[in-house]
Amino acid sequence: TLEHMGYATPEQIERAKGLGASVSANIYYLHELSGRYAELSVGYERASTMGRLKTCFDAGITTALHSDFTMAPAQPLLNMWVAVNRINAQGEQMGPAECLTPNQALAAVTLNAAKILGIETFTGSLRAGKRADLTVLSDSPLTVDPMRIKDIRVVATVFEGSVAPIETA
């Protein structure tokens, strides 16, 4: 598994595919850092290519998202929002050709993450015979306006059959 996958050329992604690699990317860095990188170091063109997730998906590489907590927020919906919209902290869209679909982003934080961790036989998707560990959301990330994905609330979690509602103040 290639971790972070901050900068990779299409040729390197094809090589990774040929080697049977998977990718676990922290796309939050695109949101937090790409504007500053564009301004202060690598330039706009290179900064906008951080996290070429769509190229990885299109190549057939198992691609997941991770958070690097405590360096970045442990918020899968925020990671999905960044992967789908590619908006940096300055409000600019960076590399729109690399935007994932909501379905791809959901796979990246669920089943693909489980595959990379080697636990897909019992978690990562809802199937007969798997644990029914899941998160209950206020809205579907597949149907809301993509700009609202980060605003979806977690209502409850179900872990090993126990429901844990999320208390709101």
N, C-alpha and C. Protein backbone atom coordinates (compact mmCIF):
# COMPACT_ATOMS: atom_id res chain seq x y z
N THR A 1 0.84 -1.19 0.00
CA THR A 1 0.00 0.00 0.00
C THR A 1 0.88 1.24 0.00
N LEU A 2 0.59 2.15 -0.92
CA LEU A 2 1.28 3.43 -0.96
C LEU A 2 0.52 4.38 -0.05
N GLU A 3 1.18 4.88 0.97
CA GLU A 3 0.56 5.79 1.93
C GLU A 3 0.73 7.23 1.48
N HIS A 4 -0.25 8.03 1.76
CA HIS A 4 -0.32 9.46 1.45
C HIS A 4 -0.54 9.71 -0.03
N MET A 5 0.36 9.27 -0.89
CA MET A 5 0.22 9.47 -2.34
C MET A 5 -0.01 10.95 -2.65
N GLY A 6 0.79 11.79 -2.02
CA GLY A 6 0.64 13.23 -2.20
C GLY A 6 0.86 13.66 -3.63
N TYR A 7 1.99 13.32 -4.17
CA TYR A 7 2.30 13.68 -5.56
C TYR A 7 2.68 12.42 -6.31
N ALA A 8 2.00 12.17 -7.40
CA ALA A 8 2.34 11.03 -8.26
C ALA A 8 1.94 11.40 -9.68
N THR A 9 2.78 11.04 -10.60
CA THR A 9 2.47 11.28 -12.01
C THR A 9 1.56 10.16 -12.51
N PRO A 10 0.86 10.38 -13.61
CA PRO A 10 0.07 9.29 -14.18
C PRO A 10 0.92 8.05 -14.49
N GLU A 11 2.17 8.27 -14.90
CA GLU A 11 3.06 7.14 -15.18
C GLU A 11 3.38 6.36 -13.90
N GLN A 12 3.59 7.05 -12.81
CA GLN A 12 3.85 6.37 -11.54
C GLN A 12 2.62 5.61 -11.07
N ILE A 13 1.44 6.16 -11.32
CA ILE A 13 0.21 5.47 -10.95
C ILE A 13 0.05 4.20 -11.77
N GLU A 14 0.35 4.26 -13.05
CA GLU A 14 0.30 3.05 -13.89
C GLU A 14 1.31 2.01 -13.41
N ARG A 15 2.48 2.47 -13.01
CA ARG A 15 3.50 1.55 -12.48
C ARG A 15 3.00 0.90 -11.20
N ALA A 16 2.39 1.70 -10.33
CA ALA A 16 1.83 1.16 -9.08
C ALA A 16 0.77 0.10 -9.39
N LYS A 17 -0.07 0.37 -10.39
CA LYS A 17 -1.08 -0.61 -10.79
C LYS A 17 -0.41 -1.90 -11.23
N GLY A 18 0.62 -1.78 -12.06
CA GLY A 18 1.33 -2.96 -12.55
C GLY A 18 1.97 -3.77 -11.44
N LEU A 19 2.33 -3.11 -10.36
CA LEU A 19 2.93 -3.79 -9.21
C LEU A 19 1.88 -4.36 -8.25
N GLY A 20 0.60 -4.08 -8.53
CA GLY A 20 -0.47 -4.57 -7.66
C GLY A 20 -0.62 -3.77 -6.38
N ALA A 21 -0.14 -2.54 -6.38
CA ALA A 21 -0.21 -1.70 -5.18
C ALA A 21 -1.63 -1.18 -4.97
N SER A 22 -1.91 -0.85 -3.73
CA SER A 22 -3.11 -0.10 -3.38
C SER A 22 -2.66 1.26 -2.87
N VAL A 23 -3.62 2.18 -2.71
CA VAL A 23 -3.31 3.54 -2.28
C VAL A 23 -4.18 3.90 -1.09
N SER A 24 -3.56 4.43 -0.05
CA SER A 24 -4.28 5.01 1.09
C SER A 24 -3.83 6.46 1.18
N ALA A 25 -4.72 7.36 0.78
CA ALA A 25 -4.35 8.78 0.65
C ALA A 25 -4.98 9.62 1.76
N ASN A 26 -4.26 10.65 2.15
CA ASN A 26 -4.82 11.66 3.04
C ASN A 26 -5.14 12.87 2.17
N ILE A 27 -6.35 12.93 1.65
CA ILE A 27 -6.73 14.01 0.75
C ILE A 27 -6.95 15.31 1.50
N TYR A 28 -7.08 15.26 2.81
CA TYR A 28 -7.26 16.49 3.59
C TYR A 28 -6.09 17.44 3.36
N TYR A 29 -4.90 16.91 3.12
CA TYR A 29 -3.75 17.77 2.88
C TYR A 29 -3.97 18.67 1.66
N LEU A 30 -4.70 18.18 0.65
CA LEU A 30 -5.02 19.03 -0.49
C LEU A 30 -5.81 20.24 0.00
N HIS A 31 -6.79 20.00 0.85
CA HIS A 31 -7.61 21.11 1.38
C HIS A 31 -6.75 22.07 2.19
N GLU A 32 -5.98 21.54 3.10
CA GLU A 32 -5.25 22.37 4.05
C GLU A 32 -4.01 23.03 3.46
N LEU A 33 -3.29 22.33 2.58
CA LEU A 33 -1.96 22.78 2.19
C LEU A 33 -1.79 23.23 0.75
N SER A 34 -2.66 22.82 -0.16
CA SER A 34 -2.38 23.07 -1.58
C SER A 34 -2.31 24.55 -1.93
N GLY A 35 -3.11 25.38 -1.32
CA GLY A 35 -3.04 26.81 -1.60
C GLY A 35 -1.71 27.41 -1.20
N ARG A 36 -1.23 27.04 -0.01
CA ARG A 36 0.06 27.54 0.45
C ARG A 36 1.20 26.96 -0.38
N TYR A 37 1.11 25.66 -0.72
CA TYR A 37 2.14 25.07 -1.57
C TYR A 37 2.19 25.78 -2.92
N ALA A 38 1.01 26.08 -3.49
CA ALA A 38 0.96 26.77 -4.78
C ALA A 38 1.62 28.14 -4.69
N GLU A 39 1.38 28.82 -3.60
CA GLU A 39 1.89 30.18 -3.42
C GLU A 39 3.37 30.21 -3.07
N LEU A 40 3.81 29.32 -2.19
CA LEU A 40 5.14 29.44 -1.60
C LEU A 40 6.20 28.47 -2.10
N SER A 41 5.79 27.35 -2.72
CA SER A 41 6.83 26.38 -3.04
C SER A 41 6.69 25.74 -4.42
N VAL A 42 5.74 24.86 -4.61
CA VAL A 42 5.74 24.03 -5.82
C VAL A 42 4.98 24.64 -6.99
N GLY A 43 4.26 25.73 -6.79
CA GLY A 43 3.49 26.35 -7.86
C GLY A 43 2.10 25.75 -7.99
N TYR A 44 1.23 26.49 -8.67
CA TYR A 44 -0.18 26.09 -8.77
C TYR A 44 -0.34 24.76 -9.49
N GLU A 45 0.34 24.59 -10.62
CA GLU A 45 0.13 23.38 -11.43
C GLU A 45 0.41 22.12 -10.62
N ARG A 46 1.55 22.09 -9.94
CA ARG A 46 1.90 20.90 -9.17
C ARG A 46 1.02 20.76 -7.94
N ALA A 47 0.75 21.86 -7.25
CA ALA A 47 -0.10 21.80 -6.06
C ALA A 47 -1.49 21.28 -6.40
N SER A 48 -1.98 21.60 -7.58
CA SER A 48 -3.33 21.16 -7.96
C SER A 48 -3.40 19.67 -8.27
N THR A 49 -2.24 19.02 -8.40
CA THR A 49 -2.24 17.58 -8.69
C THR A 49 -2.06 16.73 -7.43
N MET A 50 -2.05 17.35 -6.26
CA MET A 50 -1.96 16.55 -5.03
C MET A 50 -3.11 15.55 -5.00
N GLY A 51 -2.82 14.33 -4.61
CA GLY A 51 -3.87 13.33 -4.44
C GLY A 51 -4.64 13.03 -5.71
N ARG A 52 -4.01 12.42 -6.66
CA ARG A 52 -4.66 12.07 -7.94
C ARG A 52 -5.56 10.84 -7.74
N LEU A 53 -6.61 11.02 -6.99
CA LEU A 53 -7.47 9.89 -6.63
C LEU A 53 -8.26 9.36 -7.82
N LYS A 54 -8.78 10.24 -8.65
CA LYS A 54 -9.57 9.78 -9.81
C LYS A 54 -8.70 8.96 -10.74
N THR A 55 -7.47 9.41 -10.95
CA THR A 55 -6.55 8.65 -11.79
C THR A 55 -6.33 7.26 -11.21
N CYS A 56 -6.20 7.17 -9.89
CA CYS A 56 -6.04 5.86 -9.23
C CYS A 56 -7.28 4.99 -9.42
N PHE A 57 -8.47 5.56 -9.19
CA PHE A 57 -9.71 4.81 -9.41
C PHE A 57 -9.82 4.36 -10.85
N ASP A 58 -9.56 5.27 -11.79
CA ASP A 58 -9.67 4.94 -13.21
C ASP A 58 -8.69 3.84 -13.61
N ALA A 59 -7.55 3.76 -12.93
CA ALA A 59 -6.55 2.72 -13.21
C ALA A 59 -6.94 1.38 -12.59
N GLY A 60 -7.99 1.37 -11.77
CA GLY A 60 -8.41 0.13 -11.13
C GLY A 60 -7.65 -0.18 -9.86
N ILE A 61 -7.00 0.81 -9.29
CA ILE A 61 -6.25 0.63 -8.04
C ILE A 61 -7.20 0.77 -6.87
N THR A 62 -7.14 -0.17 -5.92
CA THR A 62 -7.92 -0.03 -4.70
C THR A 62 -7.41 1.20 -3.97
N THR A 63 -8.29 2.18 -3.79
CA THR A 63 -7.91 3.48 -3.25
C THR A 63 -8.78 3.81 -2.05
N ALA A 64 -8.13 4.15 -0.94
CA ALA A 64 -8.84 4.48 0.30
C ALA A 64 -8.40 5.86 0.78
N LEU A 65 -9.17 6.40 1.71
CA LEU A 65 -8.83 7.67 2.36
C LEU A 65 -8.56 7.42 3.83
N HIS A 66 -7.56 8.10 4.37
CA HIS A 66 -7.28 8.04 5.81
C HIS A 66 -7.08 9.46 6.32
N SER A 67 -6.96 9.60 7.64
CA SER A 67 -6.96 10.95 8.21
C SER A 67 -5.62 11.42 8.75
N ASP A 68 -4.73 10.52 9.13
CA ASP A 68 -3.48 10.91 9.80
C ASP A 68 -3.74 11.61 11.13
N PHE A 69 -4.85 11.29 11.77
CA PHE A 69 -5.12 11.90 13.07
C PHE A 69 -3.91 11.66 13.96
N THR A 70 -3.35 12.57 14.55
CA THR A 70 -3.73 13.88 15.00
C THR A 70 -3.24 15.01 14.10
N MET A 71 -2.63 14.69 13.01
CA MET A 71 -2.14 15.71 12.07
C MET A 71 -3.28 16.30 11.24
N ALA A 72 -4.35 15.57 11.09
CA ALA A 72 -5.51 16.02 10.32
C ALA A 72 -6.75 15.47 11.02
N PRO A 73 -7.90 16.09 10.81
CA PRO A 73 -9.11 15.64 11.51
C PRO A 73 -9.51 14.22 11.14
N ALA A 74 -9.96 13.47 12.13
CA ALA A 74 -10.48 12.12 11.91
C ALA A 74 -11.96 12.26 11.55
N GLN A 75 -12.22 12.75 10.35
CA GLN A 75 -13.58 13.04 9.90
C GLN A 75 -13.78 12.49 8.49
N PRO A 76 -14.23 11.25 8.37
CA PRO A 76 -14.41 10.66 7.05
C PRO A 76 -15.29 11.47 6.11
N LEU A 77 -16.33 12.11 6.64
CA LEU A 77 -17.19 12.91 5.76
C LEU A 77 -16.47 14.14 5.23
N LEU A 78 -15.60 14.72 6.02
CA LEU A 78 -14.79 15.84 5.54
C LEU A 78 -13.83 15.35 4.45
N ASN A 79 -13.21 14.19 4.66
CA ASN A 79 -12.33 13.63 3.63
C ASN A 79 -13.11 13.36 2.34
N MET A 80 -14.33 12.82 2.49
CA MET A 80 -15.16 12.59 1.30
C MET A 80 -15.43 13.91 0.58
N TRP A 81 -15.77 14.95 1.35
CA TRP A 81 -16.06 16.27 0.77
C TRP A 81 -14.86 16.79 -0.02
N VAL A 82 -13.67 16.67 0.56
CA VAL A 82 -12.46 17.13 -0.14
C VAL A 82 -12.25 16.30 -1.40
N ALA A 83 -12.41 14.99 -1.32
CA ALA A 83 -12.18 14.12 -2.48
C ALA A 83 -13.17 14.42 -3.61
N VAL A 84 -14.40 14.74 -3.26
CA VAL A 84 -15.44 15.01 -4.27
C VAL A 84 -15.32 16.41 -4.85
N ASN A 85 -14.94 17.38 -4.03
CA ASN A 85 -14.95 18.79 -4.47
C ASN A 85 -13.57 19.39 -4.72
N ARG A 86 -12.54 18.88 -4.03
CA ARG A 86 -11.16 19.36 -4.17
C ARG A 86 -11.05 20.87 -3.96
N ILE A 87 -11.67 21.35 -2.90
CA ILE A 87 -11.64 22.76 -2.55
C ILE A 87 -10.58 22.96 -1.47
N ASN A 88 -9.68 23.92 -1.68
CA ASN A 88 -8.65 24.16 -0.66
C ASN A 88 -9.14 25.18 0.37
N ALA A 89 -8.32 25.43 1.37
CA ALA A 89 -8.69 26.32 2.47
C ALA A 89 -8.92 27.75 2.00
N GLN A 90 -8.39 28.09 0.83
CA GLN A 90 -8.58 29.42 0.27
C GLN A 90 -9.84 29.50 -0.61
N GLY A 91 -10.55 28.37 -0.72
CA GLY A 91 -11.79 28.34 -1.50
C GLY A 91 -11.61 28.05 -2.98
N GLU A 92 -10.39 27.69 -3.40
CA GLU A 92 -10.12 27.39 -4.80
C GLU A 92 -10.31 25.90 -5.06
N GLN A 93 -10.85 25.57 -6.23
CA GLN A 93 -10.91 24.17 -6.63
C GLN A 93 -9.57 23.82 -7.27
N MET A 94 -8.96 22.76 -6.78
CA MET A 94 -7.63 22.35 -7.24
C MET A 94 -7.74 21.04 -8.03
N GLY A 95 -7.37 21.08 -9.29
CA GLY A 95 -7.36 19.86 -10.10
C GLY A 95 -8.72 19.21 -10.23
N PRO A 96 -9.71 19.91 -10.79
CA PRO A 96 -11.07 19.36 -10.84
C PRO A 96 -11.18 18.04 -11.61
N ALA A 97 -10.26 17.76 -12.50
CA ALA A 97 -10.30 16.48 -13.22
C ALA A 97 -10.07 15.30 -12.29
N GLU A 98 -9.56 15.56 -11.09
CA GLU A 98 -9.29 14.49 -10.12
C GLU A 98 -10.41 14.32 -9.09
N CYS A 99 -11.53 15.03 -9.26
CA CYS A 99 -12.65 14.89 -8.33
C CYS A 99 -13.23 13.48 -8.40
N LEU A 100 -13.48 12.89 -7.25
CA LEU A 100 -14.17 11.60 -7.20
C LEU A 100 -15.67 11.83 -7.25
N THR A 101 -16.40 10.80 -7.63
CA THR A 101 -17.85 10.82 -7.48
C THR A 101 -18.15 10.53 -6.01
N PRO A 102 -19.34 10.89 -5.54
CA PRO A 102 -19.69 10.52 -4.16
C PRO A 102 -19.61 9.01 -3.92
N ASN A 103 -20.00 8.20 -4.90
CA ASN A 103 -19.90 6.74 -4.74
C ASN A 103 -18.45 6.29 -4.56
N GLN A 104 -17.54 6.86 -5.35
CA GLN A 104 -16.13 6.51 -5.21
C GLN A 104 -15.60 6.94 -3.84
N ALA A 105 -15.96 8.14 -3.41
CA ALA A 105 -15.49 8.64 -2.11
C ALA A 105 -16.02 7.77 -0.97
N LEU A 106 -17.28 7.35 -1.07
CA LEU A 106 -17.85 6.47 -0.04
C LEU A 106 -17.11 5.14 -0.01
N ALA A 107 -16.82 4.58 -1.16
CA ALA A 107 -16.05 3.33 -1.22
C ALA A 107 -14.67 3.53 -0.59
N ALA A 108 -14.08 4.70 -0.80
CA ALA A 108 -12.73 4.98 -0.28
C ALA A 108 -12.68 5.01 1.24
N VAL A 109 -13.79 5.37 1.90
CA VAL A 109 -13.78 5.41 3.37
C VAL A 109 -14.44 4.18 3.99
N THR A 110 -14.91 3.25 3.17
CA THR A 110 -15.57 2.06 3.70
C THR A 110 -14.89 0.80 3.18
N LEU A 111 -15.43 0.22 2.12
CA LEU A 111 -14.95 -1.08 1.64
C LEU A 111 -13.48 -1.05 1.21
N ASN A 112 -13.06 -0.01 0.50
CA ASN A 112 -11.66 0.02 0.06
C ASN A 112 -10.71 0.13 1.24
N ALA A 113 -11.10 0.91 2.26
CA ALA A 113 -10.27 0.99 3.46
C ALA A 113 -10.19 -0.37 4.14
N ALA A 114 -11.31 -1.07 4.22
CA ALA A 114 -11.31 -2.41 4.82
C ALA A 114 -10.44 -3.37 4.02
N LYS A 115 -10.49 -3.28 2.69
CA LYS A 115 -9.65 -4.14 1.85
C LYS A 115 -8.17 -3.90 2.13
N ILE A 116 -7.78 -2.64 2.20
CA ILE A 116 -6.37 -2.32 2.43
C ILE A 116 -5.92 -2.81 3.80
N LEU A 117 -6.82 -2.76 4.78
CA LEU A 117 -6.49 -3.25 6.12
C LEU A 117 -6.60 -4.77 6.24
N GLY A 118 -7.11 -5.42 5.20
CA GLY A 118 -7.25 -6.87 5.22
C GLY A 118 -8.41 -7.36 6.08
N ILE A 119 -9.42 -6.52 6.26
CA ILE A 119 -10.56 -6.89 7.12
C ILE A 119 -11.88 -6.87 6.36
N GLU A 120 -11.82 -6.87 5.04
CA GLU A 120 -13.03 -6.76 4.24
C GLU A 120 -13.94 -7.97 4.32
N THR A 121 -13.44 -9.10 4.84
CA THR A 121 -14.31 -10.27 4.96
C THR A 121 -15.34 -10.12 6.06
N PHE A 122 -15.11 -9.18 7.01
CA PHE A 122 -16.09 -9.01 8.08
C PHE A 122 -16.56 -7.58 8.29
N THR A 123 -16.00 -6.61 7.58
CA THR A 123 -16.47 -5.23 7.72
C THR A 123 -16.17 -4.45 6.45
N GLY A 124 -16.69 -3.24 6.37
CA GLY A 124 -16.45 -2.38 5.21
C GLY A 124 -17.65 -2.26 4.30
N SER A 125 -18.57 -3.21 4.39
CA SER A 125 -19.82 -3.16 3.63
C SER A 125 -20.85 -3.97 4.39
N LEU A 126 -22.10 -3.78 4.03
CA LEU A 126 -23.19 -4.53 4.67
C LEU A 126 -23.55 -5.71 3.78
N ARG A 127 -23.25 -6.89 4.26
CA ARG A 127 -23.53 -8.13 3.55
C ARG A 127 -23.85 -9.22 4.58
N ALA A 128 -24.63 -10.20 4.18
CA ALA A 128 -24.91 -11.33 5.05
C ALA A 128 -23.60 -11.98 5.47
N GLY A 129 -23.45 -12.23 6.77
CA GLY A 129 -22.25 -12.85 7.29
C GLY A 129 -21.21 -11.87 7.80
N LYS A 130 -21.36 -10.59 7.48
CA LYS A 130 -20.43 -9.57 7.98
C LYS A 130 -21.02 -8.93 9.22
N ARG A 131 -20.14 -8.33 10.02
CA ARG A 131 -20.61 -7.56 11.17
C ARG A 131 -21.40 -6.36 10.66
N ALA A 132 -22.44 -6.03 11.36
CA ALA A 132 -23.27 -4.88 10.97
C ALA A 132 -22.80 -3.63 11.70
N ASP A 133 -21.50 -3.33 11.59
CA ASP A 133 -20.97 -2.09 12.15
C ASP A 133 -21.25 -0.99 11.12
N LEU A 134 -21.92 0.07 11.56
CA LEU A 134 -22.29 1.11 10.62
C LEU A 134 -22.48 2.45 11.31
N THR A 135 -22.56 3.48 10.51
CA THR A 135 -22.80 4.84 10.99
C THR A 135 -24.13 5.30 10.41
N VAL A 136 -24.98 5.85 11.25
CA VAL A 136 -26.26 6.41 10.82
C VAL A 136 -26.05 7.91 10.61
N LEU A 137 -26.37 8.37 9.42
CA LEU A 137 -26.14 9.77 9.05
C LEU A 137 -27.46 10.52 8.89
N SER A 138 -27.40 11.83 9.04
CA SER A 138 -28.59 12.66 8.87
C SER A 138 -29.04 12.74 7.42
N ASP A 139 -28.13 12.58 6.50
CA ASP A 139 -28.41 12.64 5.06
C ASP A 139 -27.50 11.66 4.35
N SER A 140 -27.85 11.34 3.12
CA SER A 140 -27.02 10.44 2.33
C SER A 140 -25.94 11.24 1.58
N PRO A 141 -24.68 10.87 1.74
CA PRO A 141 -23.62 11.55 0.98
C PRO A 141 -23.72 11.29 -0.52
N LEU A 142 -24.57 10.34 -0.90
CA LEU A 142 -24.73 10.03 -2.32
C LEU A 142 -25.78 10.90 -2.99
N THR A 143 -26.64 11.55 -2.19
CA THR A 143 -27.73 12.32 -2.79
C THR A 143 -27.74 13.80 -2.42
N VAL A 144 -27.04 14.20 -1.37
CA VAL A 144 -27.01 15.63 -1.02
C VAL A 144 -26.16 16.39 -2.04
N ASP A 145 -26.32 17.69 -2.07
CA ASP A 145 -25.44 18.54 -2.86
C ASP A 145 -24.00 18.22 -2.42
N PRO A 146 -23.11 17.88 -3.35
CA PRO A 146 -21.74 17.52 -2.96
C PRO A 146 -21.05 18.53 -2.06
N MET A 147 -21.41 19.79 -2.17
CA MET A 147 -20.80 20.80 -1.29
C MET A 147 -21.28 20.67 0.15
N ARG A 148 -22.33 19.89 0.39
CA ARG A 148 -22.86 19.72 1.75
C ARG A 148 -22.37 18.43 2.43
N ILE A 149 -21.61 17.62 1.76
CA ILE A 149 -21.18 16.35 2.35
C ILE A 149 -20.52 16.56 3.70
N LYS A 150 -19.68 17.57 3.82
CA LYS A 150 -18.97 17.81 5.09
C LYS A 150 -19.90 18.25 6.21
N ASP A 151 -21.12 18.67 5.88
CA ASP A 151 -22.07 19.15 6.88
C ASP A 151 -23.03 18.07 7.37
N ILE A 152 -22.94 16.88 6.80
CA ILE A 152 -23.80 15.78 7.23
C ILE A 152 -23.46 15.42 8.68
N ARG A 153 -24.50 15.24 9.49
CA ARG A 153 -24.29 14.91 10.90
C ARG A 153 -24.30 13.39 11.10
N VAL A 154 -23.47 12.93 12.01
CA VAL A 154 -23.53 11.54 12.46
C VAL A 154 -24.60 11.47 13.54
N VAL A 155 -25.63 10.65 13.31
CA VAL A 155 -26.75 10.52 14.23
C VAL A 155 -26.48 9.43 15.27
N ALA A 156 -25.89 8.33 14.81
CA ALA A 156 -25.61 7.21 15.72
C ALA A 156 -24.59 6.29 15.05
N THR A 157 -24.03 5.42 15.86
CA THR A 157 -23.20 4.34 15.34
C THR A 157 -23.74 3.02 15.87
N VAL A 158 -23.54 1.99 15.09
CA VAL A 158 -23.89 0.63 15.52
C VAL A 158 -22.59 -0.15 15.47
N PHE A 159 -22.21 -0.71 16.62
CA PHE A 159 -20.97 -1.47 16.71
C PHE A 159 -21.25 -2.75 17.47
N GLU A 160 -20.97 -3.88 16.80
CA GLU A 160 -21.20 -5.20 17.38
C GLU A 160 -22.60 -5.32 17.96
N GLY A 161 -23.58 -4.78 17.23
CA GLY A 161 -24.98 -4.91 17.62
C GLY A 161 -25.49 -3.88 18.60
N SER A 162 -24.62 -3.04 19.13
CA SER A 162 -25.04 -2.02 20.08
C SER A 162 -25.17 -0.67 19.39
N VAL A 163 -26.32 -0.03 19.59
CA VAL A 163 -26.55 1.29 19.00
C VAL A 163 -26.06 2.34 19.98
N ALA A 164 -25.27 3.27 19.48
CA ALA A 164 -24.77 4.37 20.31
C ALA A 164 -25.23 5.67 19.67
N PRO A 165 -26.34 6.25 20.18
CA PRO A 165 -26.77 7.53 19.61
C PRO A 165 -25.77 8.63 19.94
N ILE A 166 -25.67 9.58 19.06
CA ILE A 166 -24.78 10.72 19.26
C ILE A 166 -25.58 11.81 19.96
N GLU A 167 -25.13 12.21 21.11
CA GLU A 167 -25.81 13.26 21.87
C GLU A 167 -25.43 14.61 21.29
N THR A 168 -26.42 15.45 21.08
CA THR A 168 -26.14 16.81 20.61
C THR A 168 -26.57 17.79 21.68
N ALA A 169 -25.80 18.84 21.82
CA ALA A 169 -26.09 19.83 22.86
C ALA A 169 -27.16 20.80 22.42
